[in-house]
Amino acid sequence: MHSRELKLFAGSAHPELASRIAEIVDVPLGRACLRRFSDGEVSFQIDENIRGADVFVVQPTCTPVDEHLIELCVMIDAFRRSSASRITAVMPYYGYARQDRKDKPRVPISAKLVANLLGAAGANRVLTMDLHKAQIQGFFDIPVDHLFAAPVFIDYLAKLQHERPLTIVSPDAGGVERARAYAKRLGVDVELAIIDKRRSSDGHAEVMNVVGEVRDRVCIIQDDIVDTAGTLRQASLALHDNGAARVLACAVHGVLSGPALQRIEDSRLERLIVTDTIPLRPELAASSKIQVLSVAQLLGKAIQSIHQETSVSSLFV
């Protein structure tokens, strides 16, 4: 093991996930005082010596995104000024990832701005999971370790193959590569289908057609992010209309904002499986249609590999 001591700290975004990771890497969470002043400003103080340490800070930049992002930057700055040897921002969910290009005139590329902020704060490395676009890694001038939650989902989905034939469904053309990778790993009998989707001028998804074999099969809609669940609701209806026996969905990041819960409850979707990259609000966690799988083991292994300076590439699949 590397001579530097591994230190693991948690922001306020997802302390439960940080605690699970701490158990896996077998180190206690670092002692620190994180609070806010009456005007909302972040106050952070490290309560132990970290000089020369290999510091990992767990903070998905989920809702409220801006608060959690600034909090992460403040924490990184404190670690840098306290002489940490290396600082890795562990961001299971990378906020602003969907703003990765100029798709309209006079708009920012916010995903790039966030990368700049993290580097300016003093991060030496980023560990993240299922970026909306893999090219976002190129926005950074520091190393990025980009993990995928596929192994967690594959283990779960493999158990469904004993019931009926499986079809992995991409909810749009942009997700075909990801869906194909899932289908390939699940076996030769697994089919691939695509939802031909158009969006109206107000941004609501409109499902037009299902391309692929879905009749009498267990259909798994696979996506990286589920936000308002409009696409899931319409996709599940289209699949049932085309003869699917069961319809489930897998999404790595359960943003689940606005009307998402009601849409999932009212949909033809049997179950939505998400990971714990983002903590679920109590009403979401209580839903019988939503199931959570943990990525703590994957993140823990990656942290250990980074700390020990061994290869992480085996986890990038």
Protein backbone atom coordinates (compact mmCIF):
# COMPACT_ATOMS: atom_id res chain seq x y z
CA MET A 1 0.00 0.00 0.00
CA HIS A 2 1.10 3.54 -0.67
CA SER A 3 2.76 5.25 2.28
CA ARG A 4 0.24 8.10 2.29
CA GLU A 5 -2.66 7.62 4.68
CA LEU A 6 -6.11 7.29 3.14
CA LYS A 7 -8.63 9.78 4.51
CA LEU A 8 -12.31 9.68 3.55
CA PHE A 9 -14.62 12.64 4.14
CA ALA A 10 -18.31 13.17 3.45
CA GLY A 11 -20.19 16.25 2.35
CA SER A 12 -23.83 16.79 3.26
CA ALA A 13 -25.25 15.52 -0.06
CA HIS A 14 -25.17 11.76 0.69
CA PRO A 15 -23.67 10.81 4.07
CA GLU A 16 -25.30 7.36 3.94
CA LEU A 17 -23.38 6.40 0.80
CA ALA A 18 -20.17 7.79 2.27
CA SER A 19 -20.67 5.62 5.38
CA ARG A 20 -21.16 2.51 3.23
CA ILE A 21 -17.99 3.27 1.30
CA ALA A 22 -16.09 3.83 4.57
CA GLU A 23 -17.06 0.33 5.72
CA ILE A 24 -15.85 -1.17 2.45
CA VAL A 25 -12.46 0.59 2.46
CA ASP A 26 -12.22 -0.03 6.22
CA VAL A 27 -11.44 3.52 7.29
CA PRO A 28 -13.51 5.80 9.54
CA LEU A 29 -15.07 8.89 8.03
CA GLY A 30 -12.86 11.91 8.61
CA ARG A 31 -13.75 14.29 11.41
CA ALA A 32 -14.89 17.71 10.25
CA CYS A 33 -17.45 20.39 11.05
CA LEU A 34 -19.67 21.29 8.11
CA ARG A 35 -22.42 23.82 8.71
CA ARG A 36 -23.98 26.96 7.29
CA PHE A 37 -24.07 30.49 8.62
CA SER A 38 -27.42 32.21 9.04
CA ASP A 39 -27.09 33.83 5.61
CA GLY A 40 -26.54 30.45 3.93
CA GLU A 41 -22.77 30.59 3.47
CA VAL A 42 -20.89 27.31 3.90
CA SER A 43 -18.59 26.90 6.89
CA PHE A 44 -16.17 23.97 6.94
CA GLN A 45 -13.35 23.02 9.31
CA ILE A 46 -11.29 19.82 9.37
CA ASP A 47 -10.98 18.42 12.88
CA GLU A 48 -7.96 16.17 12.35
CA ASN A 49 -4.51 16.31 10.80
CA ILE A 50 -4.49 15.55 7.06
CA ARG A 51 -0.99 16.78 6.17
CA GLY A 52 0.41 14.48 3.48
CA ALA A 53 -2.78 12.38 3.37
CA ASP A 54 -4.54 10.93 0.32
CA VAL A 55 -7.96 12.57 0.74
CA PHE A 56 -11.20 11.41 -0.87
CA VAL A 57 -14.34 13.51 -0.43
CA VAL A 58 -17.73 11.95 -1.29
CA GLN A 59 -20.21 14.48 -2.62
CA PRO A 60 -22.68 13.88 -5.46
CA THR A 61 -23.79 17.26 -6.81
CA CYS A 62 -27.48 16.43 -6.69
CA THR A 63 -30.43 18.61 -5.63
CA PRO A 64 -29.88 21.32 -4.47
CA VAL A 65 -27.10 21.20 -7.06
CA ASP A 66 -25.61 24.67 -6.55
CA GLU A 67 -25.39 24.30 -2.75
CA HIS A 68 -23.72 20.91 -2.97
CA LEU A 69 -21.30 22.09 -5.68
CA ILE A 70 -20.13 25.14 -3.72
CA GLU A 71 -19.89 23.00 -0.59
CA LEU A 72 -17.63 20.54 -2.43
CA CYS A 73 -15.40 23.36 -3.70
CA VAL A 74 -15.12 24.84 -0.20
CA MET A 75 -14.16 21.45 1.24
CA ILE A 76 -11.55 20.86 -1.47
CA ASP A 77 -10.05 24.29 -0.79
CA ALA A 78 -9.80 23.46 2.92
CA PHE A 79 -8.03 20.16 2.17
CA ARG A 80 -5.60 21.90 -0.17
CA ARG A 81 -4.78 24.62 2.37
CA SER A 82 -4.30 21.92 5.04
CA SER A 83 -1.51 20.32 2.97
CA ALA A 84 -3.26 17.16 1.77
CA SER A 85 -0.97 15.26 -0.58
CA ARG A 86 -3.75 14.52 -3.07
CA ILE A 87 -7.47 15.37 -3.19
CA THR A 88 -9.96 13.21 -5.10
CA ALA A 89 -13.50 14.47 -5.56
CA VAL A 90 -15.76 11.40 -5.47
CA MET A 91 -18.85 12.51 -7.39
CA PRO A 92 -21.17 9.55 -7.97
CA TYR A 93 -23.53 11.97 -9.74
CA TYR A 94 -22.06 14.87 -11.73
CA GLY A 95 -24.51 17.78 -11.70
CA TYR A 96 -24.82 19.94 -14.84
CA ALA A 97 -23.70 16.98 -16.99
CA ARG A 98 -26.65 17.48 -19.33
CA GLN A 99 -25.44 20.99 -20.18
CA ASP A 100 -22.45 19.68 -22.10
CA ARG A 101 -22.69 21.60 -25.39
CA LYS A 102 -24.01 24.75 -27.02
CA ASP A 103 -27.33 23.52 -28.39
CA LYS A 104 -28.75 27.05 -28.65
CA PRO A 105 -27.25 30.47 -29.30
CA ARG A 106 -25.74 32.38 -26.35
CA VAL A 107 -25.85 29.58 -23.75
CA PRO A 108 -23.06 28.35 -21.43
CA ILE A 109 -21.39 24.96 -21.40
CA SER A 110 -22.04 24.45 -17.71
CA ALA A 111 -20.51 20.98 -17.49
CA LYS A 112 -17.19 22.49 -18.56
CA LEU A 113 -17.56 25.36 -16.07
CA VAL A 114 -18.06 22.86 -13.22
CA ALA A 115 -14.89 21.02 -14.30
CA ASN A 116 -12.99 24.33 -14.21
CA LEU A 117 -14.36 25.14 -10.74
CA LEU A 118 -13.26 21.80 -9.31
CA GLY A 119 -9.78 22.20 -10.74
CA ALA A 120 -9.49 25.78 -9.48
CA ALA A 121 -10.62 24.72 -6.00
CA GLY A 122 -7.69 22.31 -5.83
CA ALA A 123 -8.99 18.86 -6.80
CA ASN A 124 -6.23 16.62 -8.15
CA ARG A 125 -8.52 13.89 -9.42
CA VAL A 126 -12.22 13.13 -9.98
CA LEU A 127 -13.98 9.80 -9.52
CA THR A 128 -17.44 9.76 -11.06
CA MET A 129 -20.03 7.35 -12.44
CA ASP A 130 -22.02 7.11 -15.69
CA LEU A 131 -21.51 10.60 -17.04
CA HIS A 132 -24.33 11.71 -19.31
CA LYS A 133 -21.74 12.01 -22.07
CA ALA A 134 -18.37 10.28 -21.72
CA GLN A 135 -16.72 13.20 -23.53
CA ILE A 136 -17.17 15.32 -20.38
CA GLN A 137 -13.94 13.68 -19.16
CA GLY A 138 -12.19 15.87 -21.71
CA PHE A 139 -13.44 19.02 -19.97
CA PHE A 140 -10.99 18.35 -17.13
CA ASP A 141 -7.28 19.12 -16.97
CA ILE A 142 -6.92 16.57 -14.16
CA PRO A 143 -7.38 12.76 -14.29
CA VAL A 144 -10.95 11.45 -14.30
CA ASP A 145 -11.86 7.89 -13.36
CA HIS A 146 -15.21 7.14 -14.99
CA LEU A 147 -17.01 4.13 -13.53
CA PHE A 148 -20.15 2.41 -14.82
CA ALA A 149 -22.96 0.91 -12.76
CA ALA A 150 -23.50 -1.83 -15.38
CA PRO A 151 -22.10 -4.68 -13.20
CA VAL A 152 -24.64 -3.88 -10.47
CA PHE A 153 -27.54 -3.94 -12.92
CA ILE A 154 -26.28 -6.98 -14.84
CA ASP A 155 -26.28 -9.09 -11.67
CA TYR A 156 -29.88 -8.04 -11.00
CA LEU A 157 -31.15 -8.48 -14.56
CA ALA A 158 -29.52 -11.89 -15.03
CA LYS A 159 -32.01 -13.29 -12.51
CA LEU A 160 -34.92 -12.26 -14.76
CA GLN A 161 -33.68 -14.34 -17.71
CA HIS A 162 -35.13 -17.52 -16.21
CA GLU A 163 -38.70 -16.19 -16.58
CA ARG A 164 -39.01 -15.02 -20.19
CA PRO A 165 -36.66 -13.81 -22.94
CA LEU A 166 -35.22 -10.36 -22.27
CA THR A 167 -35.15 -7.27 -24.46
CA ILE A 168 -33.04 -4.28 -23.47
CA VAL A 169 -34.73 -1.08 -24.64
CA SER A 170 -33.00 2.21 -25.36
CA PRO A 171 -35.42 5.10 -24.73
CA ASP A 172 -33.83 7.12 -27.55
CA ALA A 173 -31.24 6.86 -30.30
CA GLY A 174 -28.53 8.40 -28.10
CA GLY A 175 -28.66 5.52 -25.62
CA VAL A 176 -28.33 2.68 -28.14
CA GLU A 177 -24.65 2.04 -27.46
CA ARG A 178 -25.27 1.72 -23.72
CA ALA A 179 -28.28 -0.57 -24.22
CA ARG A 180 -26.34 -2.72 -26.69
CA ALA A 181 -23.54 -3.17 -24.15
CA TYR A 182 -26.07 -4.38 -21.56
CA ALA A 183 -27.68 -6.79 -24.04
CA LYS A 184 -24.29 -8.18 -25.07
CA ARG A 185 -23.23 -8.83 -21.48
CA LEU A 186 -26.51 -10.55 -20.63
CA GLY A 187 -26.15 -13.13 -23.41
CA VAL A 188 -26.86 -14.07 -27.02
CA ASP A 189 -30.60 -14.54 -26.47
CA VAL A 190 -31.11 -10.97 -25.30
CA GLU A 191 -32.62 -8.66 -27.93
CA LEU A 192 -32.15 -4.92 -28.38
CA ALA A 193 -35.01 -2.50 -29.05
CA ILE A 194 -35.15 1.26 -29.55
CA ILE A 195 -37.85 3.79 -28.82
CA ASP A 196 -38.14 6.22 -31.72
CA LYS A 197 -38.92 9.38 -29.76
CA ARG A 198 -39.56 12.97 -30.67
CA ARG A 199 -39.85 15.93 -28.36
CA SER A 200 -42.46 18.63 -28.77
CA SER A 201 -41.60 22.32 -28.61
CA ASP A 202 -42.40 22.46 -24.88
CA GLY A 203 -39.89 19.69 -24.15
CA HIS A 204 -42.30 16.83 -23.41
CA ALA A 205 -41.38 13.46 -24.85
CA GLU A 206 -43.62 11.93 -27.49
CA VAL A 207 -43.10 8.23 -28.19
CA MET A 208 -43.61 7.48 -31.87
CA ASN A 209 -42.56 3.89 -32.51
CA VAL A 210 -40.90 0.77 -31.07
CA VAL A 211 -38.14 -0.75 -33.20
CA GLY A 212 -37.21 -4.30 -32.22
CA GLU A 213 -38.67 -7.53 -30.82
CA VAL A 214 -40.67 -6.95 -27.63
CA ARG A 215 -43.76 -9.16 -27.89
CA ASP A 216 -44.08 -11.66 -25.01
CA ARG A 217 -40.70 -10.59 -23.65
CA VAL A 218 -39.49 -8.96 -20.42
CA CYS A 219 -38.53 -5.46 -21.56
CA ILE A 220 -35.93 -3.47 -19.63
CA ILE A 221 -35.77 0.24 -20.43
CA GLN A 222 -32.16 1.25 -19.78
CA ASP A 223 -31.05 4.86 -19.26
CA ASP A 224 -28.42 6.82 -17.36
CA ILE A 225 -30.74 9.43 -15.79
CA VAL A 226 -34.43 9.47 -14.93
CA ASP A 227 -35.61 12.99 -14.12
CA THR A 228 -39.30 13.83 -14.55
CA ALA A 229 -40.10 10.28 -15.82
CA GLY A 230 -42.13 11.53 -18.80
CA THR A 231 -40.15 9.36 -21.21
CA LEU A 232 -40.47 6.29 -18.97
CA ARG A 233 -44.22 6.66 -18.69
CA GLN A 234 -44.75 6.90 -22.44
CA ALA A 235 -42.15 4.26 -23.27
CA SER A 236 -43.73 1.73 -20.91
CA LEU A 237 -47.13 2.35 -22.51
CA ALA A 238 -45.72 1.92 -26.02
CA LEU A 239 -44.00 -1.34 -25.05
CA HIS A 240 -47.19 -2.77 -23.54
CA ASP A 241 -49.11 -1.70 -26.64
CA ASN A 242 -46.60 -3.69 -28.68
CA GLY A 243 -47.16 -6.85 -26.65
CA ALA A 244 -44.45 -6.77 -23.97
CA ALA A 245 -45.10 -9.25 -21.15
CA ARG A 246 -43.43 -7.13 -18.45
CA VAL A 247 -41.82 -3.70 -18.51
CA LEU A 248 -39.15 -2.60 -16.04
CA ALA A 249 -36.64 0.24 -16.15
CA CYS A 250 -33.05 0.70 -14.97
CA ALA A 251 -31.55 4.15 -14.51
CA VAL A 252 -28.24 4.84 -12.82
CA HIS A 253 -29.13 8.28 -11.46
CA GLY A 254 -32.58 8.69 -9.92
CA VAL A 255 -32.99 12.47 -10.07
CA LEU A 256 -36.78 12.01 -9.94
CA SER A 257 -37.81 15.64 -9.78
CA GLY A 258 -41.18 17.36 -10.12
CA PRO A 259 -43.99 14.99 -11.17
CA ALA A 260 -41.73 11.93 -11.44
CA LEU A 261 -43.24 9.93 -8.57
CA GLN A 262 -46.82 10.40 -9.72
CA ARG A 263 -45.90 9.52 -13.30
CA ILE A 264 -44.15 6.33 -12.19
CA GLU A 265 -47.08 5.32 -10.00
CA ASP A 266 -49.57 5.95 -12.82
CA SER A 267 -47.46 4.28 -15.54
CA ARG A 268 -47.50 0.74 -16.94
CA LEU A 269 -44.02 0.35 -15.50
CA GLU A 270 -43.75 -2.61 -13.15
CA ARG A 271 -40.60 -1.41 -11.41
CA LEU A 272 -37.91 1.26 -11.64
CA ILE A 273 -34.45 0.21 -10.45
CA VAL A 274 -32.01 3.01 -9.64
CA THR A 275 -28.71 3.17 -7.77
CA ASP A 276 -27.81 5.14 -4.66
CA THR A 277 -25.64 7.70 -6.48
CA ILE A 278 -28.37 10.13 -5.42
CA PRO A 279 -30.27 9.84 -2.12
CA LEU A 280 -34.01 9.33 -2.59
CA ARG A 281 -36.50 11.59 -0.86
CA PRO A 282 -38.60 9.69 1.73
CA GLU A 283 -41.71 9.60 -0.46
CA LEU A 284 -39.70 8.11 -3.31
CA ALA A 285 -38.01 5.55 -1.08
CA ALA A 286 -41.44 4.48 0.17
CA SER A 287 -42.76 3.70 -3.32
CA SER A 288 -43.31 0.01 -4.02
CA LYS A 289 -42.37 0.63 -7.66
CA ILE A 290 -38.88 1.99 -6.94
CA GLN A 291 -35.96 -0.25 -5.96
CA VAL A 292 -32.45 0.92 -5.08
CA LEU A 293 -29.20 -0.94 -5.74
CA SER A 294 -25.98 0.23 -4.11
CA VAL A 295 -22.82 1.27 -5.96
CA ALA A 296 -20.83 1.60 -2.72
CA GLN A 297 -18.85 -1.58 -3.47
CA LEU A 298 -17.78 -0.30 -6.89
CA LEU A 299 -16.78 3.10 -5.52
CA GLY A 300 -14.98 1.52 -2.59
CA LYS A 301 -12.92 -0.72 -4.87
CA ALA A 302 -12.06 2.25 -7.08
CA ILE A 303 -10.95 4.33 -4.09
CA GLN A 304 -8.73 1.50 -2.86
CA SER A 305 -7.19 1.07 -6.32
CA ILE A 306 -6.54 4.80 -6.72
CA HIS A 307 -4.97 4.97 -3.26
CA GLN A 308 -2.78 1.93 -3.88
CA GLU A 309 -1.81 3.21 -7.35
CA THR A 310 -3.12 0.03 -9.01
CA SER A 311 -5.20 -0.26 -12.17
CA VAL A 312 -8.85 0.82 -12.06
CA SER A 313 -9.54 -0.22 -15.65
CA SER A 314 -11.19 -3.50 -14.65
CA LEU A 315 -14.00 -1.44 -13.10
CA PHE A 316 -14.61 0.60 -16.29
CA VAL A 317 -16.93 -1.95 -17.85
